[in-house]
Amino acid sequence: MNLKYRLPTEAEEQLAFISWLRLKNIPFNHTANERKTSVYQGRFLKRMGVARGFPDLTIFLPKKVLYVELKRKTGAKITDEQKKWVTLLDELEYAKAKICYGADEAIKFIQENI
């Protein structure tokens, strides 16, 4: 029997990760940069400070802030803006940032930094 394995989407990975954060009572915020908007709304959001490529999730730990750009396990595309944000944020003294491929990698990243 030949069964095809379907990889979870990025949204499914993010929902799994968010469920884990909630289960562990770890405070977080999702930055909703991925929405599609009109040209007018996009310009307005940019003026309001929405930055292209900013990581999906900000996780608040007692002594540091973690930033996670969550991607699906395979086939994900990383933009130059995402790379720049992760590099910039990871250089901060009080923060760490990472591009994680799947909920499991994101959970491991959090566990290593608690």
C-alpha atoms as a PDB file:
ATOM      1  CA  MET A   1       0.000   0.000   0.000  1.00  0.00           C
ATOM      2  CA  ASN A   2       1.437   3.365  -1.048  1.00  0.00           C
ATOM      3  CA  LEU A   3       0.296   6.114   1.309  1.00  0.00           C
ATOM      4  CA  LYS A   4       1.348   9.651   0.634  1.00  0.00           C
ATOM      5  CA  TYR A   5       2.538  11.584   3.669  1.00  0.00           C
ATOM      6  CA  ARG A   6       1.260  15.147   3.835  1.00  0.00           C
ATOM      7  CA  LEU A   7       3.515  17.637   5.582  1.00  0.00           C
ATOM      8  CA  PRO A   8       1.735  20.086   7.876  1.00  0.00           C
ATOM      9  CA  THR A   9       1.358  23.603   6.524  1.00  0.00           C
ATOM     10  CA  GLU A  10       3.123  26.535   8.149  1.00  0.00           C
ATOM     11  CA  ALA A  11      -0.188  27.553   9.747  1.00  0.00           C
ATOM     12  CA  GLU A  12      -0.695  24.053  11.177  1.00  0.00           C
ATOM     13  CA  GLU A  13       2.850  24.069  12.591  1.00  0.00           C
ATOM     14  CA  GLN A  14       2.213  27.467  14.150  1.00  0.00           C
ATOM     15  CA  LEU A  15      -1.088  26.333  15.694  1.00  0.00           C
ATOM     16  CA  ALA A  16       0.669  23.313  17.223  1.00  0.00           C
ATOM     17  CA  PHE A  17       3.427  25.537  18.625  1.00  0.00           C
ATOM     18  CA  ILE A  18       0.933  28.073  20.015  1.00  0.00           C
ATOM     19  CA  SER A  19      -1.045  25.256  21.650  1.00  0.00           C
ATOM     20  CA  TRP A  20       2.170  24.101  23.367  1.00  0.00           C
ATOM     21  CA  LEU A  21       2.981  27.664  24.540  1.00  0.00           C
ATOM     22  CA  ARG A  22      -0.512  27.983  26.008  1.00  0.00           C
ATOM     23  CA  LEU A  23      -0.265  24.573  27.676  1.00  0.00           C
ATOM     24  CA  LYS A  24       3.009  25.643  29.315  1.00  0.00           C
ATOM     25  CA  ASN A  25       1.604  29.098  30.244  1.00  0.00           C
ATOM     26  CA  ILE A  26       4.380  30.848  28.354  1.00  0.00           C
ATOM     27  CA  PRO A  27       3.343  34.373  27.341  1.00  0.00           C
ATOM     28  CA  PHE A  28       3.709  35.230  23.666  1.00  0.00           C
ATOM     29  CA  ASN A  29       2.493  37.536  20.943  1.00  0.00           C
ATOM     30  CA  HIS A  30       1.884  36.772  17.295  1.00  0.00           C
ATOM     31  CA  THR A  31       2.816  39.501  14.832  1.00  0.00           C
ATOM     32  CA  ALA A  32       0.393  39.064  11.957  1.00  0.00           C
ATOM     33  CA  ASN A  33       2.597  40.166   9.054  1.00  0.00           C
ATOM     34  CA  GLU A  34       1.390  37.490   6.669  1.00  0.00           C
ATOM     35  CA  ARG A  35      -2.022  38.890   5.826  1.00  0.00           C
ATOM     36  CA  LYS A  36      -2.900  40.032   2.324  1.00  0.00           C
ATOM     37  CA  THR A  37      -4.069  43.614   2.067  1.00  0.00           C
ATOM     38  CA  SER A  38      -4.883  46.232  -0.485  1.00  0.00           C
ATOM     39  CA  VAL A  39      -2.122  48.584  -1.594  1.00  0.00           C
ATOM     40  CA  TYR A  40      -3.708  51.370   0.489  1.00  0.00           C
ATOM     41  CA  GLN A  41      -3.956  49.200   3.613  1.00  0.00           C
ATOM     42  CA  GLY A  42      -0.379  47.952   3.113  1.00  0.00           C
ATOM     43  CA  ARG A  43       0.932  51.524   2.957  1.00  0.00           C
ATOM     44  CA  PHE A  44      -1.101  52.443   6.020  1.00  0.00           C
ATOM     45  CA  LEU A  45       0.254  49.467   8.011  1.00  0.00           C
ATOM     46  CA  LYS A  46       3.807  50.360   6.991  1.00  0.00           C
ATOM     47  CA  ARG A  47       3.268  53.932   8.240  1.00  0.00           C
ATOM     48  CA  MET A  48       1.906  52.447  11.482  1.00  0.00           C
ATOM     49  CA  GLY A  49       5.160  50.523  11.989  1.00  0.00           C
ATOM     50  CA  VAL A  50       4.434  47.060  10.609  1.00  0.00           C
ATOM     51  CA  ALA A  51       7.813  45.813   9.410  1.00  0.00           C
ATOM     52  CA  ARG A  52       8.176  43.313   6.608  1.00  0.00           C
ATOM     53  CA  GLY A  53       9.959  40.135   7.686  1.00  0.00           C
ATOM     54  CA  PHE A  54       9.575  40.625  11.459  1.00  0.00           C
ATOM     55  CA  PRO A  55       9.404  37.213  13.197  1.00  0.00           C
ATOM     56  CA  ASP A  56       6.008  35.559  13.666  1.00  0.00           C
ATOM     57  CA  LEU A  57       6.172  35.108  17.407  1.00  0.00           C
ATOM     58  CA  THR A  58       7.631  36.972  20.362  1.00  0.00           C
ATOM     59  CA  ILE A  59       7.970  34.783  23.453  1.00  0.00           C
ATOM     60  CA  PHE A  60       8.444  36.388  26.852  1.00  0.00           C
ATOM     61  CA  LEU A  61      10.609  34.481  29.326  1.00  0.00           C
ATOM     62  CA  PRO A  62      11.636  35.726  32.791  1.00  0.00           C
ATOM     63  CA  LYS A  63      15.107  36.906  31.741  1.00  0.00           C
ATOM     64  CA  LYS A  64      14.955  37.139  27.959  1.00  0.00           C
ATOM     65  CA  VAL A  65      12.767  37.554  24.931  1.00  0.00           C
ATOM     66  CA  LEU A  66      12.763  34.969  22.154  1.00  0.00           C
ATOM     67  CA  TYR A  67      11.738  35.596  18.567  1.00  0.00           C
ATOM     68  CA  VAL A  68      10.624  32.721  16.361  1.00  0.00           C
ATOM     69  CA  GLU A  69      10.139  32.860  12.628  1.00  0.00           C
ATOM     70  CA  LEU A  70       8.230  29.625  12.121  1.00  0.00           C
ATOM     71  CA  LYS A  71       8.348  27.769   8.814  1.00  0.00           C
ATOM     72  CA  ARG A  72       7.042  24.413   7.684  1.00  0.00           C
ATOM     73  CA  LYS A  73       9.488  21.526   7.935  1.00  0.00           C
ATOM     74  CA  THR A  74      10.441  21.475   4.254  1.00  0.00           C
ATOM     75  CA  GLY A  75       9.935  23.664   1.234  1.00  0.00           C
ATOM     76  CA  ALA A  76       9.914  26.923   3.188  1.00  0.00           C
ATOM     77  CA  LYS A  77      11.229  30.138   1.685  1.00  0.00           C
ATOM     78  CA  ILE A  78      13.110  32.633   3.826  1.00  0.00           C
ATOM     79  CA  THR A  79      13.084  36.254   2.693  1.00  0.00           C
ATOM     80  CA  ASP A  80      16.039  38.608   2.984  1.00  0.00           C
ATOM     81  CA  GLU A  81      13.971  40.728   5.381  1.00  0.00           C
ATOM     82  CA  GLN A  82      13.379  37.706   7.650  1.00  0.00           C
ATOM     83  CA  LYS A  83      17.104  36.905   7.673  1.00  0.00           C
ATOM     84  CA  LYS A  84      17.974  40.509   8.543  1.00  0.00           C
ATOM     85  CA  TRP A  85      15.460  40.672  11.410  1.00  0.00           C
ATOM     86  CA  VAL A  86      16.588  37.366  12.908  1.00  0.00           C
ATOM     87  CA  THR A  87      20.243  38.442  12.713  1.00  0.00           C
ATOM     88  CA  LEU A  88      19.520  41.850  14.261  1.00  0.00           C
ATOM     89  CA  LEU A  89      17.354  40.475  17.075  1.00  0.00           C
ATOM     90  CA  ASP A  90      19.750  37.634  17.860  1.00  0.00           C
ATOM     91  CA  GLU A  91      22.551  40.156  18.431  1.00  0.00           C
ATOM     92  CA  LEU A  92      20.612  41.876  21.237  1.00  0.00           C
ATOM     93  CA  GLU A  93      21.921  41.169  24.728  1.00  0.00           C
ATOM     94  CA  TYR A  94      18.493  40.296  26.139  1.00  0.00           C
ATOM     95  CA  ALA A  95      17.093  38.344  23.181  1.00  0.00           C
ATOM     96  CA  LYS A  96      17.555  35.332  20.949  1.00  0.00           C
ATOM     97  CA  ALA A  97      16.000  34.798  17.545  1.00  0.00           C
ATOM     98  CA  LYS A  98      15.767  31.782  15.293  1.00  0.00           C
ATOM     99  CA  ILE A  99      14.128  30.536  12.141  1.00  0.00           C
ATOM    100  CA  CYS A 100      12.515  27.244  13.177  1.00  0.00           C
ATOM    101  CA  TYR A 101      11.376  24.554  10.781  1.00  0.00           C
ATOM    102  CA  GLY A 102       8.287  23.066  12.382  1.00  0.00           C
ATOM    103  CA  ALA A 103       6.712  23.196  15.826  1.00  0.00           C
ATOM    104  CA  ASP A 104       9.103  20.573  17.228  1.00  0.00           C
ATOM    105  CA  GLU A 105      12.165  22.709  16.453  1.00  0.00           C
ATOM    106  CA  ALA A 106      10.469  25.813  17.901  1.00  0.00           C
ATOM    107  CA  ILE A 107       9.579  23.937  21.107  1.00  0.00           C
ATOM    108  CA  LYS A 108      13.176  22.717  21.424  1.00  0.00           C
ATOM    109  CA  PHE A 109      14.415  26.303  20.970  1.00  0.00           C
ATOM    110  CA  ILE A 110      12.185  27.484  23.830  1.00  0.00           C
ATOM    111  CA  GLN A 111      13.175  24.588  26.109  1.00  0.00           C
ATOM    112  CA  GLU A 112      16.876  25.295  25.536  1.00  0.00           C
ATOM    113  CA  ASN A 113      16.374  28.903  26.634  1.00  0.00           C
ATOM    114  CA  ILE A 114      14.176  28.519  29.697  1.00  0.00           C
END
